[in-house]
Amino acid sequence: RDLVVSMLNQAQGVSCPVPKGAFYVYPSCAGVIGKTTPSGQVIENDRDFVMYLLETENVATVHGAAYGVSPYFRISYAAAESELIQACERIQRACAALR
């Protein structure tokens, strides 16, 4: 959990609080709303952001609006540490590519 929180907080435009329980985190993606992807798409909401992560970095997350919390996204950390590191690195890379 601490690894995921730390790595997500290093992603530009993402802010991840430490969860109080469960096996997932709800980072805010408010800092990427309004930014433009390398292909020219404007990220207008959390759904756009999670689709961008899926399409560009093959990272599957769930938009927070599906749970009534926007602009956040949900990531499970019930996975192998190596997979979590790779996913967080991909999220960092995707965020760094936004303008």
PDB file of N, CA and C in Angstrom:
ATOM      1  N   ARG A   1       0.821  -1.195   0.000  1.00  0.00           N
ATOM      2  CA  ARG A   1       0.000   0.000   0.000  1.00  0.00           C
ATOM      3  C   ARG A   1       0.867   1.261   0.000  1.00  0.00           C
ATOM      4  N   ASP A   2       1.839   1.313   0.877  1.00  0.00           N
ATOM      5  CA  ASP A   2       2.678   2.501   0.980  1.00  0.00           C
ATOM      6  C   ASP A   2       3.459   2.750  -0.304  1.00  0.00           C
ATOM      7  N   LEU A   3       3.898   1.685  -0.948  1.00  0.00           N
ATOM      8  CA  LEU A   3       4.612   1.807  -2.216  1.00  0.00           C
ATOM      9  C   LEU A   3       3.719   2.447  -3.272  1.00  0.00           C
ATOM     10  N   VAL A   4       2.498   1.975  -3.393  1.00  0.00           N
ATOM     11  CA  VAL A   4       1.559   2.496  -4.393  1.00  0.00           C
ATOM     12  C   VAL A   4       1.258   3.966  -4.114  1.00  0.00           C
ATOM     13  N   VAL A   5       0.978   4.302  -2.871  1.00  0.00           N
ATOM     14  CA  VAL A   5       0.683   5.691  -2.509  1.00  0.00           C
ATOM     15  C   VAL A   5       1.866   6.585  -2.866  1.00  0.00           C
ATOM     16  N   SER A   6       3.059   6.168  -2.495  1.00  0.00           N
ATOM     17  CA  SER A   6       4.259   6.954  -2.774  1.00  0.00           C
ATOM     18  C   SER A   6       4.479   7.151  -4.270  1.00  0.00           C
ATOM     19  N   MET A   7       4.364   6.074  -5.029  1.00  0.00           N
ATOM     20  CA  MET A   7       4.607   6.170  -6.473  1.00  0.00           C
ATOM     21  C   MET A   7       3.535   6.992  -7.177  1.00  0.00           C
ATOM     22  N   LEU A   8       2.289   6.863  -6.754  1.00  0.00           N
ATOM     23  CA  LEU A   8       1.229   7.649  -7.385  1.00  0.00           C
ATOM     24  C   LEU A   8       1.379   9.129  -7.061  1.00  0.00           C
ATOM     25  N   ASN A   9       1.854   9.446  -5.870  1.00  0.00           N
ATOM     26  CA  ASN A   9       2.075  10.844  -5.513  1.00  0.00           C
ATOM     27  C   ASN A   9       3.222  11.467  -6.300  1.00  0.00           C
ATOM     28  N   GLN A  10       4.023  10.647  -6.963  1.00  0.00           N
ATOM     29  CA  GLN A  10       5.089  11.150  -7.828  1.00  0.00           C
ATOM     30  C   GLN A  10       4.597  11.412  -9.248  1.00  0.00           C
ATOM     31  N   ALA A  11       3.393  10.976  -9.564  1.00  0.00           N
ATOM     32  CA  ALA A  11       2.818  11.200 -10.897  1.00  0.00           C
ATOM     33  C   ALA A  11       2.290  12.634 -10.969  1.00  0.00           C
ATOM     34  N   GLN A  12       2.655  13.350 -12.019  1.00  0.00           N
ATOM     35  CA  GLN A  12       2.238  14.738 -12.187  1.00  0.00           C
ATOM     36  C   GLN A  12       0.723  14.841 -12.275  1.00  0.00           C
ATOM     37  N   GLY A  13       0.137  15.658 -11.397  1.00  0.00           N
ATOM     38  CA  GLY A  13      -1.299  15.885 -11.436  1.00  0.00           C
ATOM     39  C   GLY A  13      -2.125  14.905 -10.631  1.00  0.00           C
ATOM     40  N   VAL A  14      -1.461  13.951  -9.970  1.00  0.00           N
ATOM     41  CA  VAL A  14      -2.165  12.937  -9.173  1.00  0.00           C
ATOM     42  C   VAL A  14      -1.823  13.145  -7.699  1.00  0.00           C
ATOM     43  N   SER A  15      -2.819  13.009  -6.855  1.00  0.00           N
ATOM     44  CA  SER A  15      -2.626  13.124  -5.412  1.00  0.00           C
ATOM     45  C   SER A  15      -3.312  11.935  -4.750  1.00  0.00           C
ATOM     46  N   CYS A  16      -2.529  11.132  -4.043  1.00  0.00           N
ATOM     47  CA  CYS A  16      -3.066   9.890  -3.480  1.00  0.00           C
ATOM     48  C   CYS A  16      -2.967   9.882  -1.956  1.00  0.00           C
ATOM     49  N   PRO A  17      -4.105   9.980  -1.273  1.00  0.00           N
ATOM     50  CA  PRO A  17      -4.080   9.870   0.187  1.00  0.00           C
ATOM     51  C   PRO A  17      -3.874   8.414   0.611  1.00  0.00           C
ATOM     52  N   VAL A  18      -3.393   8.231   1.821  1.00  0.00           N
ATOM     53  CA  VAL A  18      -3.231   6.880   2.364  1.00  0.00           C
ATOM     54  C   VAL A  18      -4.621   6.337   2.696  1.00  0.00           C
ATOM     55  N   PRO A  19      -4.962   5.149   2.184  1.00  0.00           N
ATOM     56  CA  PRO A  19      -6.288   4.589   2.468  1.00  0.00           C
ATOM     57  C   PRO A  19      -6.397   4.127   3.921  1.00  0.00           C
ATOM     58  N   LYS A  20      -7.614   4.116   4.406  1.00  0.00           N
ATOM     59  CA  LYS A  20      -7.849   3.685   5.788  1.00  0.00           C
ATOM     60  C   LYS A  20      -8.086   2.185   5.885  1.00  0.00           C
ATOM     61  N   GLY A  21      -8.326   1.530   4.759  1.00  0.00           N
ATOM     62  CA  GLY A  21      -8.574   0.093   4.769  1.00  0.00           C
ATOM     63  C   GLY A  21      -8.727  -0.417   3.359  1.00  0.00           C
ATOM     64  N   ALA A  22      -9.273  -1.590   3.227  1.00  0.00           N
ATOM     65  CA  ALA A  22      -9.524  -2.227   1.928  1.00  0.00           C
ATOM     66  C   ALA A  22      -8.225  -2.541   1.197  1.00  0.00           C
ATOM     67  N   PHE A  23      -8.348  -2.864  -0.086  1.00  0.00           N
ATOM     68  CA  PHE A  23      -7.192  -3.218  -0.905  1.00  0.00           C
ATOM     69  C   PHE A  23      -7.119  -2.351  -2.146  1.00  0.00           C
ATOM     70  N   TYR A  24      -7.514  -1.105  -1.999  1.00  0.00           N
ATOM     71  CA  TYR A  24      -7.458  -0.183  -3.125  1.00  0.00           C
ATOM     72  C   TYR A  24      -7.244   1.232  -2.627  1.00  0.00           C
ATOM     73  N   VAL A  25      -6.796   2.084  -3.537  1.00  0.00           N
ATOM     74  CA  VAL A  25      -6.612   3.506  -3.256  1.00  0.00           C
ATOM     75  C   VAL A  25      -7.496   4.305  -4.199  1.00  0.00           C
ATOM     76  N   TYR A  26      -7.822   5.507  -3.781  1.00  0.00           N
ATOM     77  CA  TYR A  26      -8.616   6.439  -4.589  1.00  0.00           C
ATOM     78  C   TYR A  26      -7.812   7.720  -4.789  1.00  0.00           C
ATOM     79  N   PRO A  27      -6.881   7.741  -5.740  1.00  0.00           N
ATOM     80  CA  PRO A  27      -6.129   8.967  -5.991  1.00  0.00           C
ATOM     81  C   PRO A  27      -6.994  10.007  -6.712  1.00  0.00           C
ATOM     82  N   SER A  28      -6.719  11.260  -6.437  1.00  0.00           N
ATOM     83  CA  SER A  28      -7.367  12.345  -7.166  1.00  0.00           C
ATOM     84  C   SER A  28      -6.615  12.568  -8.473  1.00  0.00           C
ATOM     85  N   CYS A  29      -7.369  12.781  -9.535  1.00  0.00           N
ATOM     86  CA  CYS A  29      -6.751  13.129 -10.818  1.00  0.00           C
ATOM     87  C   CYS A  29      -7.147  14.549 -11.221  1.00  0.00           C
ATOM     88  N   ALA A  30      -7.530  15.365 -10.235  1.00  0.00           N
ATOM     89  CA  ALA A  30      -7.949  16.742 -10.508  1.00  0.00           C
ATOM     90  C   ALA A  30      -6.859  17.523 -11.234  1.00  0.00           C
ATOM     91  N   GLY A  31      -5.606  17.207 -10.945  1.00  0.00           N
ATOM     92  CA  GLY A  31      -4.493  17.925 -11.554  1.00  0.00           C
ATOM     93  C   GLY A  31      -4.271  17.635 -13.025  1.00  0.00           C
ATOM     94  N   VAL A  32      -4.934  16.625 -13.573  1.00  0.00           N
ATOM     95  CA  VAL A  32      -4.786  16.334 -15.006  1.00  0.00           C
ATOM     96  C   VAL A  32      -6.008  16.758 -15.813  1.00  0.00           C
ATOM     97  N   ILE A  33      -7.086  17.125 -15.122  1.00  0.00           N
ATOM     98  CA  ILE A  33      -8.292  17.569 -15.825  1.00  0.00           C
ATOM     99  C   ILE A  33      -7.962  18.856 -16.581  1.00  0.00           C
ATOM    100  N   GLY A  34      -8.322  18.878 -17.850  1.00  0.00           N
ATOM    101  CA  GLY A  34      -8.028  20.029 -18.698  1.00  0.00           C
ATOM    102  C   GLY A  34      -6.732  19.905 -19.475  1.00  0.00           C
ATOM    103  N   LYS A  35      -5.938  18.895 -19.171  1.00  0.00           N
ATOM    104  CA  LYS A  35      -4.684  18.681 -19.903  1.00  0.00           C
ATOM    105  C   LYS A  35      -4.972  17.939 -21.200  1.00  0.00           C
ATOM    106  N   THR A  36      -4.000  17.977 -22.100  1.00  0.00           N
ATOM    107  CA  THR A  36      -4.152  17.385 -23.426  1.00  0.00           C
ATOM    108  C   THR A  36      -3.194  16.212 -23.599  1.00  0.00           C
ATOM    109  N   THR A  37      -3.702  15.126 -24.158  1.00  0.00           N
ATOM    110  CA  THR A  37      -2.890  13.935 -24.416  1.00  0.00           C
ATOM    111  C   THR A  37      -2.001  14.175 -25.636  1.00  0.00           C
ATOM    112  N   PRO A  38      -0.980  13.352 -25.823  1.00  0.00           N
ATOM    113  CA  PRO A  38      -0.141  13.486 -27.014  1.00  0.00           C
ATOM    114  C   PRO A  38      -0.929  13.384 -28.323  1.00  0.00           C
ATOM    115  N   SER A  39      -2.066  12.691 -28.309  1.00  0.00           N
ATOM    116  CA  SER A  39      -2.877  12.566 -29.524  1.00  0.00           C
ATOM    117  C   SER A  39      -3.844  13.737 -29.703  1.00  0.00           C
ATOM    118  N   GLY A  40      -3.849  14.674 -28.748  1.00  0.00           N
ATOM    119  CA  GLY A  40      -4.676  15.867 -28.886  1.00  0.00           C
ATOM    120  C   GLY A  40      -6.003  15.844 -28.161  1.00  0.00           C
ATOM    121  N   GLN A  41      -6.298  14.772 -27.432  1.00  0.00           N
ATOM    122  CA  GLN A  41      -7.560  14.689 -26.685  1.00  0.00           C
ATOM    123  C   GLN A  41      -7.424  15.438 -25.362  1.00  0.00           C
ATOM    124  N   VAL A  42      -8.430  16.232 -25.031  1.00  0.00           N
ATOM    125  CA  VAL A  42      -8.452  16.927 -23.746  1.00  0.00           C
ATOM    126  C   VAL A  42      -9.062  15.993 -22.696  1.00  0.00           C
ATOM    127  N   ILE A  43      -8.385  15.877 -21.561  1.00  0.00           N
ATOM    128  CA  ILE A  43      -8.901  15.083 -20.445  1.00  0.00           C
ATOM    129  C   ILE A  43      -9.942  15.952 -19.737  1.00  0.00           C
ATOM    130  N   GLU A  44     -11.207  15.610 -19.908  1.00  0.00           N
ATOM    131  CA  GLU A  44     -12.285  16.430 -19.347  1.00  0.00           C
ATOM    132  C   GLU A  44     -12.800  15.930 -18.008  1.00  0.00           C
ATOM    133  N   ASN A  45     -12.536  14.665 -17.676  1.00  0.00           N
ATOM    134  CA  ASN A  45     -13.046  14.109 -16.419  1.00  0.00           C
ATOM    135  C   ASN A  45     -12.269  12.840 -16.068  1.00  0.00           C
ATOM    136  N   ASP A  46     -12.627  12.235 -14.948  1.00  0.00           N
ATOM    137  CA  ASP A  46     -11.910  11.038 -14.507  1.00  0.00           C
ATOM    138  C   ASP A  46     -12.102   9.857 -15.455  1.00  0.00           C
ATOM    139  N   ARG A  47     -13.232   9.790 -16.116  1.00  0.00           N
ATOM    140  CA  ARG A  47     -13.448   8.704 -17.085  1.00  0.00           C
ATOM    141  C   ARG A  47     -12.478   8.841 -18.262  1.00  0.00           C
ATOM    142  N   ASP A  48     -12.322  10.065 -18.768  1.00  0.00           N
ATOM    143  CA  ASP A  48     -11.353  10.301 -19.843  1.00  0.00           C
ATOM    144  C   ASP A  48      -9.954   9.883 -19.400  1.00  0.00           C
ATOM    145  N   PHE A  49      -9.615  10.198 -18.156  1.00  0.00           N
ATOM    146  CA  PHE A  49      -8.282   9.880 -17.660  1.00  0.00           C
ATOM    147  C   PHE A  49      -8.047   8.374 -17.594  1.00  0.00           C
ATOM    148  N   VAL A  50      -9.009   7.617 -17.050  1.00  0.00           N
ATOM    149  CA  VAL A  50      -8.792   6.168 -16.953  1.00  0.00           C
ATOM    150  C   VAL A  50      -8.765   5.517 -18.334  1.00  0.00           C
ATOM    151  N   MET A  51      -9.532   6.049 -19.272  1.00  0.00           N
ATOM    152  CA  MET A  51      -9.478   5.521 -20.638  1.00  0.00           C
ATOM    153  C   MET A  51      -8.123   5.823 -21.271  1.00  0.00           C
ATOM    154  N   TYR A  52      -7.595   7.002 -21.009  1.00  0.00           N
ATOM    155  CA  TYR A  52      -6.260   7.371 -21.493  1.00  0.00           C
ATOM    156  C   TYR A  52      -5.214   6.405 -20.931  1.00  0.00           C
ATOM    157  N   LEU A  53      -5.281   6.101 -19.633  1.00  0.00           N
ATOM    158  CA  LEU A  53      -4.334   5.149 -19.036  1.00  0.00           C
ATOM    159  C   LEU A  53      -4.441   3.778 -19.686  1.00  0.00           C
ATOM    160  N   LEU A  54      -5.661   3.330 -19.925  1.00  0.00           N
ATOM    161  CA  LEU A  54      -5.876   2.020 -20.532  1.00  0.00           C
ATOM    162  C   LEU A  54      -5.360   1.986 -21.969  1.00  0.00           C
ATOM    163  N   GLU A  55      -5.701   2.992 -22.740  1.00  0.00           N
ATOM    164  CA  GLU A  55      -5.350   3.003 -24.163  1.00  0.00           C
ATOM    165  C   GLU A  55      -3.866   3.238 -24.414  1.00  0.00           C
ATOM    166  N   THR A  56      -3.214   4.040 -23.585  1.00  0.00           N
ATOM    167  CA  THR A  56      -1.815   4.369 -23.850  1.00  0.00           C
ATOM    168  C   THR A  56      -0.822   3.516 -23.081  1.00  0.00           C
ATOM    169  N   GLU A  57      -1.209   3.073 -21.879  1.00  0.00           N
ATOM    170  CA  GLU A  57      -0.261   2.345 -21.029  1.00  0.00           C
ATOM    171  C   GLU A  57      -0.753   0.965 -20.596  1.00  0.00           C
ATOM    172  N   ASN A  58      -1.942   0.576 -21.056  1.00  0.00           N
ATOM    173  CA  ASN A  58      -2.512  -0.727 -20.691  1.00  0.00           C
ATOM    174  C   ASN A  58      -2.641  -0.919 -19.181  1.00  0.00           C
ATOM    175  N   VAL A  59      -3.004   0.164 -18.492  1.00  0.00           N
ATOM    176  CA  VAL A  59      -3.247   0.110 -17.054  1.00  0.00           C
ATOM    177  C   VAL A  59      -4.752   0.226 -16.833  1.00  0.00           C
ATOM    178  N   ALA A  60      -5.330  -0.790 -16.212  1.00  0.00           N
ATOM    179  CA  ALA A  60      -6.770  -0.802 -15.967  1.00  0.00           C
ATOM    180  C   ALA A  60      -7.069  -0.243 -14.579  1.00  0.00           C
ATOM    181  N   THR A  61      -7.848   0.829 -14.561  1.00  0.00           N
ATOM    182  CA  THR A  61      -8.324   1.440 -13.323  1.00  0.00           C
ATOM    183  C   THR A  61      -9.816   1.690 -13.502  1.00  0.00           C
ATOM    184  N   VAL A  62     -10.468   2.167 -12.467  1.00  0.00           N
ATOM    185  CA  VAL A  62     -11.897   2.467 -12.554  1.00  0.00           C
ATOM    186  C   VAL A  62     -12.092   3.943 -12.232  1.00  0.00           C
ATOM    187  N   HIS A  63     -12.872   4.630 -13.053  1.00  0.00           N
ATOM    188  CA  HIS A  63     -13.113   6.054 -12.782  1.00  0.00           C
ATOM    189  C   HIS A  63     -13.952   6.203 -11.517  1.00  0.00           C
ATOM    190  N   GLY A  64     -13.614   7.219 -10.749  1.00  0.00           N
ATOM    191  CA  GLY A  64     -14.281   7.431  -9.471  1.00  0.00           C
ATOM    192  C   GLY A  64     -15.759   7.715  -9.585  1.00  0.00           C
ATOM    193  N   ALA A  65     -16.180   8.305 -10.701  1.00  0.00           N
ATOM    194  CA  ALA A  65     -17.600   8.609 -10.885  1.00  0.00           C
ATOM    195  C   ALA A  65     -18.452   7.344 -10.785  1.00  0.00           C
ATOM    196  N   ALA A  66     -17.873   6.195 -11.111  1.00  0.00           N
ATOM    197  CA  ALA A  66     -18.604   4.928 -11.000  1.00  0.00           C
ATOM    198  C   ALA A  66     -18.964   4.619  -9.546  1.00  0.00           C
ATOM    199  N   TYR A  67     -18.236   5.236  -8.617  1.00  0.00           N
ATOM    200  CA  TYR A  67     -18.482   5.048  -7.187  1.00  0.00           C
ATOM    201  C   TYR A  67     -18.988   6.328  -6.529  1.00  0.00           C
ATOM    202  N   GLY A  68     -19.304   7.317  -7.339  1.00  0.00           N
ATOM    203  CA  GLY A  68     -19.818   8.574  -6.814  1.00  0.00           C
ATOM    204  C   GLY A  68     -18.763   9.532  -6.305  1.00  0.00           C
ATOM    205  N   VAL A  69     -17.502   9.298  -6.669  1.00  0.00           N
ATOM    206  CA  VAL A  69     -16.417  10.204  -6.264  1.00  0.00           C
ATOM    207  C   VAL A  69     -15.624  10.633  -7.490  1.00  0.00           C
ATOM    208  N   SER A  70     -15.731  11.890  -7.810  1.00  0.00           N
ATOM    209  CA  SER A  70     -15.063  12.419  -8.995  1.00  0.00           C
ATOM    210  C   SER A  70     -14.420  13.746  -8.617  1.00  0.00           C
ATOM    211  N   PRO A  71     -13.253  14.052  -9.081  1.00  0.00           N
ATOM    212  CA  PRO A  71     -12.418  13.392 -10.083  1.00  0.00           C
ATOM    213  C   PRO A  71     -11.348  12.492  -9.464  1.00  0.00           C
ATOM    214  N   TYR A  72     -11.719  11.310  -9.150  1.00  0.00           N
ATOM    215  CA  TYR A  72     -10.809  10.318  -8.582  1.00  0.00           C
ATOM    216  C   TYR A  72     -10.812   9.072  -9.462  1.00  0.00           C
ATOM    217  N   PHE A  73      -9.877   8.177  -9.203  1.00  0.00           N
ATOM    218  CA  PHE A  73      -9.891   6.878  -9.862  1.00  0.00           C
ATOM    219  C   PHE A  73      -9.473   5.832  -8.843  1.00  0.00           C
ATOM    220  N   ARG A  74      -9.880   4.610  -9.077  1.00  0.00           N
ATOM    221  CA  ARG A  74      -9.647   3.528  -8.116  1.00  0.00           C
ATOM    222  C   ARG A  74      -8.637   2.543  -8.682  1.00  0.00           C
ATOM    223  N   ILE A  75      -7.690   2.169  -7.831  1.00  0.00           N
ATOM    224  CA  ILE A  75      -6.680   1.180  -8.193  1.00  0.00           C
ATOM    225  C   ILE A  75      -6.588   0.156  -7.067  1.00  0.00           C
ATOM    226  N   SER A  76      -6.675  -1.105  -7.413  1.00  0.00           N
ATOM    227  CA  SER A  76      -6.477  -2.166  -6.433  1.00  0.00           C
ATOM    228  C   SER A  76      -4.981  -2.404  -6.259  1.00  0.00           C
ATOM    229  N   TYR A  77      -4.563  -2.580  -5.012  1.00  0.00           N
ATOM    230  CA  TYR A  77      -3.162  -2.937  -4.786  1.00  0.00           C
ATOM    231  C   TYR A  77      -3.035  -4.379  -4.286  1.00  0.00           C
ATOM    232  N   ALA A  78      -4.033  -5.188  -4.603  1.00  0.00           N
ATOM    233  CA  ALA A  78      -3.991  -6.618  -4.287  1.00  0.00           C
ATOM    234  C   ALA A  78      -3.347  -7.345  -5.468  1.00  0.00           C
ATOM    235  N   ALA A  79      -2.057  -7.092  -5.645  1.00  0.00           N
ATOM    236  CA  ALA A  79      -1.300  -7.684  -6.755  1.00  0.00           C
ATOM    237  C   ALA A  79       0.157  -7.817  -6.319  1.00  0.00           C
ATOM    238  N   ALA A  80       0.936  -8.495  -7.132  1.00  0.00           N
ATOM    239  CA  ALA A  80       2.359  -8.652  -6.841  1.00  0.00           C
ATOM    240  C   ALA A  80       3.053  -7.292  -6.881  1.00  0.00           C
ATOM    241  N   GLU A  81       4.032  -7.108  -6.012  1.00  0.00           N
ATOM    242  CA  GLU A  81       4.742  -5.831  -5.943  1.00  0.00           C
ATOM    243  C   GLU A  81       5.330  -5.432  -7.294  1.00  0.00           C
ATOM    244  N   SER A  82       5.878  -6.383  -8.028  1.00  0.00           N
ATOM    245  CA  SER A  82       6.474  -6.065  -9.333  1.00  0.00           C
ATOM    246  C   SER A  82       5.425  -5.518 -10.300  1.00  0.00           C
ATOM    247  N   GLU A  83       4.219  -6.066 -10.248  1.00  0.00           N
ATOM    248  CA  GLU A  83       3.139  -5.574 -11.110  1.00  0.00           C
ATOM    249  C   GLU A  83       2.697  -4.176 -10.693  1.00  0.00           C
ATOM    250  N   LEU A  84       2.649  -3.928  -9.396  1.00  0.00           N
ATOM    251  CA  LEU A  84       2.265  -2.607  -8.900  1.00  0.00           C
ATOM    252  C   LEU A  84       3.285  -1.550  -9.297  1.00  0.00           C
ATOM    253  N   ILE A  85       4.559  -1.896  -9.189  1.00  0.00           N
ATOM    254  CA  ILE A  85       5.615  -0.961  -9.592  1.00  0.00           C
ATOM    255  C   ILE A  85       5.480  -0.637 -11.070  1.00  0.00           C
ATOM    256  N   GLN A  86       5.303  -1.657 -11.894  1.00  0.00           N
ATOM    257  CA  GLN A  86       5.167  -1.436 -13.331  1.00  0.00           C
ATOM    258  C   GLN A  86       3.946  -0.572 -13.643  1.00  0.00           C
ATOM    259  N   ALA A  87       2.829  -0.845 -13.007  1.00  0.00           N
ATOM    260  CA  ALA A  87       1.611  -0.062 -13.248  1.00  0.00           C
ATOM    261  C   ALA A  87       1.806   1.393 -12.836  1.00  0.00           C
ATOM    262  N   CYS A  88       2.407   1.611 -11.682  1.00  0.00           N
ATOM    263  CA  CYS A  88       2.624   2.985 -11.211  1.00  0.00           C
ATOM    264  C   CYS A  88       3.613   3.732 -12.103  1.00  0.00           C
ATOM    265  N   GLU A  89       4.638   3.043 -12.583  1.00  0.00           N
ATOM    266  CA  GLU A  89       5.579   3.670 -13.521  1.00  0.00           C
ATOM    267  C   GLU A  89       4.867   4.062 -14.812  1.00  0.00           C
ATOM    268  N   ARG A  90       3.957   3.232 -15.267  1.00  0.00           N
ATOM    269  CA  ARG A  90       3.196   3.543 -16.478  1.00  0.00           C
ATOM    270  C   ARG A  90       2.282   4.743 -16.254  1.00  0.00           C
ATOM    271  N   ILE A  91       1.660   4.817 -15.085  1.00  0.00           N
ATOM    272  CA  ILE A  91       0.811   5.968 -14.769  1.00  0.00           C
ATOM    273  C   ILE A  91       1.659   7.237 -14.710  1.00  0.00           C
ATOM    274  N   GLN A  92       2.825   7.152 -14.097  1.00  0.00           N
ATOM    275  CA  GLN A  92       3.729   8.304 -14.053  1.00  0.00           C
ATOM    276  C   GLN A  92       4.098   8.758 -15.464  1.00  0.00           C
ATOM    277  N   ARG A  93       4.415   7.814 -16.330  1.00  0.00           N
ATOM    278  CA  ARG A  93       4.797   8.135 -17.709  1.00  0.00           C
ATOM    279  C   ARG A  93       3.635   8.776 -18.460  1.00  0.00           C
ATOM    280  N   ALA A  94       2.438   8.224 -18.289  1.00  0.00           N
ATOM    281  CA  ALA A  94       1.257   8.776 -18.961  1.00  0.00           C
ATOM    282  C   ALA A  94       0.985  10.200 -18.495  1.00  0.00           C
ATOM    283  N   CYS A  95       1.105  10.432 -17.210  1.00  0.00           N
ATOM    284  CA  CYS A  95       0.866  11.782 -16.678  1.00  0.00           C
ATOM    285  C   CYS A  95       1.923  12.766 -17.173  1.00  0.00           C
ATOM    286  N   ALA A  96       3.162  12.324 -17.248  1.00  0.00           N
ATOM    287  CA  ALA A  96       4.243  13.199 -17.713  1.00  0.00           C
ATOM    288  C   ALA A  96       4.057  13.600 -19.175  1.00  0.00           C
ATOM    289  N   ALA A  97       3.349  12.787 -19.941  1.00  0.00           N
ATOM    290  CA  ALA A  97       3.141  13.072 -21.367  1.00  0.00           C
ATOM    291  C   ALA A  97       2.016  14.076 -21.612  1.00  0.00           C
ATOM    292  N   LEU A  98       1.230  14.364 -20.587  1.00  0.00           N
ATOM    293  CA  LEU A  98       0.119  15.312 -20.755  1.00  0.00           C
ATOM    294  C   LEU A  98       0.642  16.742 -20.796  1.00  0.00           C
ATOM    295  N   ARG A  99      -0.019  17.569 -21.575  1.00  0.00           N
ATOM    296  CA  ARG A  99       0.361  18.994 -21.690  1.00  0.00           C
ATOM    297  C   ARG A  99      -0.807  19.887 -21.402  1.00  0.00           C
TER     298      ARG A  99
END
